[in-house]
Amino acid sequence: MELYTILFLCTVFATIILYGDINEILLDIFNWLQKKTNLRYDLKRISLLVGVIAALVTLLQRSWK
């Protein structure tokens, strides 16, 4: 794996470990993207969202090869 992918996956893992339930985090991100009113955990949301996108891109690239 490339270095940036490993870093993004580590970010996702660390966020889940620090903040608990993945369903709660994803629901929080979904609500934040819809409303953008509660900005308490912007860093958590953005880092997890970027990590999930990077993980999905990596999986898609691996499946196409």
C-alpha atoms as a PDB file:
ATOM      1  CA  MET A   1       0.000   0.000   0.000  1.00  0.00           C
ATOM      2  CA  GLU A   2       1.070   3.515  -0.571  1.00  0.00           C
ATOM      3  CA  LEU A   3       2.032   5.727   2.327  1.00  0.00           C
ATOM      4  CA  TYR A   4      -0.932   8.108   2.057  1.00  0.00           C
ATOM      5  CA  THR A   5      -3.382   5.195   2.088  1.00  0.00           C
ATOM      6  CA  ILE A   6      -1.787   3.770   5.208  1.00  0.00           C
ATOM      7  CA  LEU A   7      -1.946   7.180   6.885  1.00  0.00           C
ATOM      8  CA  PHE A   8      -5.628   7.606   6.025  1.00  0.00           C
ATOM      9  CA  LEU A   9      -6.473   4.118   7.272  1.00  0.00           C
ATOM     10  CA  CYS A  10      -4.579   4.859  10.506  1.00  0.00           C
ATOM     11  CA  THR A  11      -6.610   8.052  10.844  1.00  0.00           C
ATOM     12  CA  VAL A  12      -9.845   6.088  10.494  1.00  0.00           C
ATOM     13  CA  PHE A  13      -8.679   3.500  13.029  1.00  0.00           C
ATOM     14  CA  ALA A  14      -7.535   6.135  15.527  1.00  0.00           C
ATOM     15  CA  THR A  15     -10.793   8.057  15.176  1.00  0.00           C
ATOM     16  CA  ILE A  16     -12.852   4.939  15.825  1.00  0.00           C
ATOM     17  CA  ILE A  17     -10.726   4.031  18.841  1.00  0.00           C
ATOM     18  CA  LEU A  18     -10.917   7.553  20.282  1.00  0.00           C
ATOM     19  CA  TYR A  19     -14.571   8.305  19.650  1.00  0.00           C
ATOM     20  CA  GLY A  20     -16.236   4.914  19.932  1.00  0.00           C
ATOM     21  CA  ASP A  21     -19.028   3.494  17.828  1.00  0.00           C
ATOM     22  CA  ILE A  22     -18.526   3.734  14.056  1.00  0.00           C
ATOM     23  CA  ASN A  23     -22.294   3.943  13.422  1.00  0.00           C
ATOM     24  CA  GLU A  24     -22.556   6.962  15.705  1.00  0.00           C
ATOM     25  CA  ILE A  25     -19.617   8.632  13.961  1.00  0.00           C
ATOM     26  CA  LEU A  26     -21.020   8.013  10.463  1.00  0.00           C
ATOM     27  CA  LEU A  27     -24.467   9.256  11.522  1.00  0.00           C
ATOM     28  CA  ASP A  28     -22.811  12.334  13.001  1.00  0.00           C
ATOM     29  CA  ILE A  29     -20.975  12.955   9.697  1.00  0.00           C
ATOM     30  CA  PHE A  30     -24.208  12.473   7.721  1.00  0.00           C
ATOM     31  CA  ASN A  31     -26.086  14.967   9.902  1.00  0.00           C
ATOM     32  CA  TRP A  32     -23.179  17.405   9.717  1.00  0.00           C
ATOM     33  CA  LEU A  33     -23.091  17.236   5.921  1.00  0.00           C
ATOM     34  CA  GLN A  34     -26.831  17.925   5.767  1.00  0.00           C
ATOM     35  CA  LYS A  35     -27.076  20.739   8.306  1.00  0.00           C
ATOM     36  CA  LYS A  36     -23.551  22.053   8.963  1.00  0.00           C
ATOM     37  CA  THR A  37     -24.849  23.663  12.144  1.00  0.00           C
ATOM     38  CA  ASN A  38     -23.048  21.714  14.848  1.00  0.00           C
ATOM     39  CA  LEU A  39     -19.319  22.158  14.329  1.00  0.00           C
ATOM     40  CA  ARG A  40     -18.029  20.580  17.549  1.00  0.00           C
ATOM     41  CA  TYR A  41     -16.003  17.772  16.018  1.00  0.00           C
ATOM     42  CA  ASP A  42     -15.017  19.118  12.610  1.00  0.00           C
ATOM     43  CA  LEU A  43     -11.553  17.577  12.695  1.00  0.00           C
ATOM     44  CA  LYS A  44     -12.967  14.177  13.646  1.00  0.00           C
ATOM     45  CA  ARG A  45     -15.573  14.282  10.903  1.00  0.00           C
ATOM     46  CA  ILE A  46     -13.281  15.517   8.172  1.00  0.00           C
ATOM     47  CA  SER A  47     -10.450  13.115   9.015  1.00  0.00           C
ATOM     48  CA  LEU A  48     -12.782  10.124   9.108  1.00  0.00           C
ATOM     49  CA  LEU A  49     -14.539  11.162   5.909  1.00  0.00           C
ATOM     50  CA  VAL A  50     -11.210  11.542   4.083  1.00  0.00           C
ATOM     51  CA  GLY A  51     -10.029   8.215   5.481  1.00  0.00           C
ATOM     52  CA  VAL A  52     -13.164   6.397   4.353  1.00  0.00           C
ATOM     53  CA  ILE A  53     -12.903   7.918   0.873  1.00  0.00           C
ATOM     54  CA  ALA A  54      -9.226   6.934   0.631  1.00  0.00           C
ATOM     55  CA  ALA A  55     -10.013   3.387   1.759  1.00  0.00           C
ATOM     56  CA  LEU A  56     -12.802   3.072  -0.825  1.00  0.00           C
ATOM     57  CA  VAL A  57     -10.572   4.407  -3.599  1.00  0.00           C
ATOM     58  CA  THR A  58      -7.870   1.916  -2.623  1.00  0.00           C
ATOM     59  CA  LEU A  59     -10.331  -0.974  -2.654  1.00  0.00           C
ATOM     60  CA  LEU A  60     -11.668   0.067  -6.059  1.00  0.00           C
ATOM     61  CA  GLN A  61      -8.161   0.364  -7.487  1.00  0.00           C
ATOM     62  CA  ARG A  62      -7.228  -3.084  -6.173  1.00  0.00           C
ATOM     63  CA  SER A  63     -10.386  -4.660  -7.608  1.00  0.00           C
ATOM     64  CA  TRP A  64      -9.793  -3.186 -11.082  1.00  0.00           C
ATOM     65  CA  LYS A  65      -6.300  -4.686 -11.376  1.00  0.00           C
END
